[in-house]
Amino acid sequence: MRALGKRVRNRIYADHRAGRMIRLAPGVFVAKSEWRELKRTARAMFHAAAAQISLPGSVITGQTGSLINGLHLHISDRDITVDVLLPQNAHVGLPANGGHVVELPHS
């Protein structure tokens, strides 16, 4: 977000407050209209990308890590989670065990 000009940032935040944008992570937004059109697997990939942008040094593991690497999963789309492994020195207000699971909203 810093690379964007103040005017563009203000517009994104205004669109978020008005419900036109969805915040995936700090500084990472997507248009609500486009988000609705995505399948659950694509949403998981977007959440994974947002996590890596907002959590430097993080590693996507588990189901979404498999999807990113092209492995087919034999699970229901409704059961997809985004698992993020954080470095031990991460100070982001998440669990101290170094892991965090992002629950995807059911749609």
Protein backbone atom coordinates (compact mmCIF):
# COMPACT_ATOMS: atom_id res chain seq x y z
CA MET A 1 0.00 0.00 0.00
CA ARG A 2 2.90 2.36 0.64
CA ALA A 3 3.86 2.27 -3.02
CA LEU A 4 0.45 3.64 -3.93
CA GLY A 5 -0.16 7.34 -3.74
CA LYS A 6 -2.13 8.79 -0.84
CA ARG A 7 -5.10 9.50 -3.08
CA VAL A 8 -5.31 5.86 -4.26
CA ARG A 9 -4.88 4.52 -0.71
CA ASN A 10 -7.64 6.80 0.56
CA ARG A 11 -9.94 5.59 -2.23
CA ILE A 12 -9.26 1.92 -1.36
CA TYR A 13 -9.96 2.55 2.32
CA ALA A 14 -13.14 4.48 1.45
CA ASP A 15 -14.30 1.62 -0.79
CA HIS A 16 -13.57 -0.82 2.05
CA ARG A 17 -15.61 1.22 4.53
CA ALA A 18 -18.45 1.40 2.00
CA GLY A 19 -18.42 -2.39 1.57
CA ARG A 20 -17.08 -2.44 -1.99
CA MET A 21 -13.70 -3.93 -1.02
CA ILE A 22 -12.81 -6.89 1.18
CA ARG A 23 -9.70 -6.76 3.34
CA LEU A 24 -7.82 -10.06 3.11
CA ALA A 25 -4.91 -8.94 5.28
CA PRO A 26 -3.34 -5.67 6.39
CA GLY A 27 -2.83 -3.64 3.21
CA VAL A 28 -4.33 -6.32 0.95
CA PHE A 29 -7.77 -5.72 -0.53
CA VAL A 30 -9.92 -7.21 -3.30
CA ALA A 31 -13.08 -5.88 -4.92
CA LYS A 32 -16.14 -7.52 -3.37
CA SER A 33 -17.73 -8.06 -6.79
CA GLU A 34 -14.69 -9.98 -8.03
CA TRP A 35 -14.35 -11.94 -4.77
CA ARG A 36 -17.91 -13.26 -5.11
CA GLU A 37 -17.09 -14.72 -8.53
CA LEU A 38 -14.10 -16.72 -7.29
CA LYS A 39 -14.37 -20.40 -6.46
CA ARG A 40 -13.37 -21.45 -2.96
CA THR A 41 -10.03 -22.84 -4.11
CA ALA A 42 -9.13 -19.53 -5.75
CA ARG A 43 -10.17 -17.70 -2.58
CA ALA A 44 -7.82 -19.90 -0.56
CA MET A 45 -4.99 -19.02 -2.95
CA PHE A 46 -5.75 -15.30 -2.59
CA HIS A 47 -5.81 -15.64 1.21
CA ALA A 48 -2.45 -17.43 1.05
CA ALA A 49 -0.93 -14.70 -1.11
CA ALA A 50 -2.33 -12.01 1.22
CA ALA A 51 -0.86 -13.80 4.25
CA GLN A 52 2.56 -13.97 2.67
CA ILE A 53 2.44 -10.29 1.74
CA SER A 54 1.38 -9.20 5.22
CA LEU A 55 3.52 -11.71 7.18
CA PRO A 56 7.11 -11.50 5.88
CA GLY A 57 8.99 -14.77 6.23
CA SER A 58 5.80 -16.83 6.47
CA VAL A 59 5.39 -20.14 4.68
CA ILE A 60 2.07 -21.47 3.39
CA THR A 61 1.65 -25.10 4.45
CA GLY A 62 -1.07 -27.73 4.56
CA GLN A 63 -3.90 -27.83 2.07
CA THR A 64 -3.27 -24.45 0.47
CA GLY A 65 0.45 -25.12 0.27
CA SER A 66 -0.43 -28.25 -1.69
CA LEU A 67 -2.80 -26.34 -3.98
CA ILE A 68 -0.17 -23.68 -4.70
CA ASN A 69 2.25 -26.42 -5.69
CA GLY A 70 -0.27 -28.01 -8.05
CA LEU A 71 -1.20 -31.04 -5.94
CA HIS A 72 -4.80 -32.18 -6.22
CA LEU A 73 -6.64 -32.46 -2.92
CA HIS A 74 -9.36 -35.01 -2.28
CA ILE A 75 -11.33 -32.81 0.10
CA SER A 76 -14.47 -30.77 -0.10
CA ASP A 77 -14.03 -27.13 -1.10
CA ARG A 78 -15.83 -26.29 2.14
CA ASP A 79 -12.99 -27.85 4.16
CA ILE A 80 -10.11 -25.78 2.75
CA THR A 81 -8.06 -23.84 5.28
CA VAL A 82 -5.02 -21.62 4.82
CA ASP A 83 -2.22 -22.73 7.13
CA VAL A 84 0.59 -20.24 7.69
CA LEU A 85 3.85 -21.15 9.39
CA LEU A 86 5.56 -18.11 10.90
CA PRO A 87 9.24 -17.75 11.73
CA GLN A 88 9.97 -18.02 15.45
CA ASN A 89 10.95 -14.37 15.66
CA ALA A 90 7.67 -13.12 14.15
CA HIS A 91 5.95 -10.43 16.22
CA VAL A 92 2.53 -10.15 14.62
CA GLY A 93 0.19 -10.90 17.52
CA LEU A 94 -0.46 -14.49 16.45
CA PRO A 95 -0.07 -17.69 18.50
CA ALA A 96 3.44 -18.26 19.84
CA ASN A 97 3.55 -21.80 18.44
CA GLY A 98 4.44 -20.35 15.04
CA GLY A 99 1.25 -21.42 13.29
CA HIS A 100 -1.92 -19.70 12.27
CA VAL A 101 -4.98 -20.96 10.45
CA VAL A 102 -7.09 -18.58 8.40
CA GLU A 103 -10.70 -19.76 8.27
CA LEU A 104 -12.35 -19.05 4.95
CA PRO A 105 -15.94 -17.84 5.12
CA HIS A 106 -18.42 -20.36 3.74
CA SER A 107 -20.18 -19.13 0.64
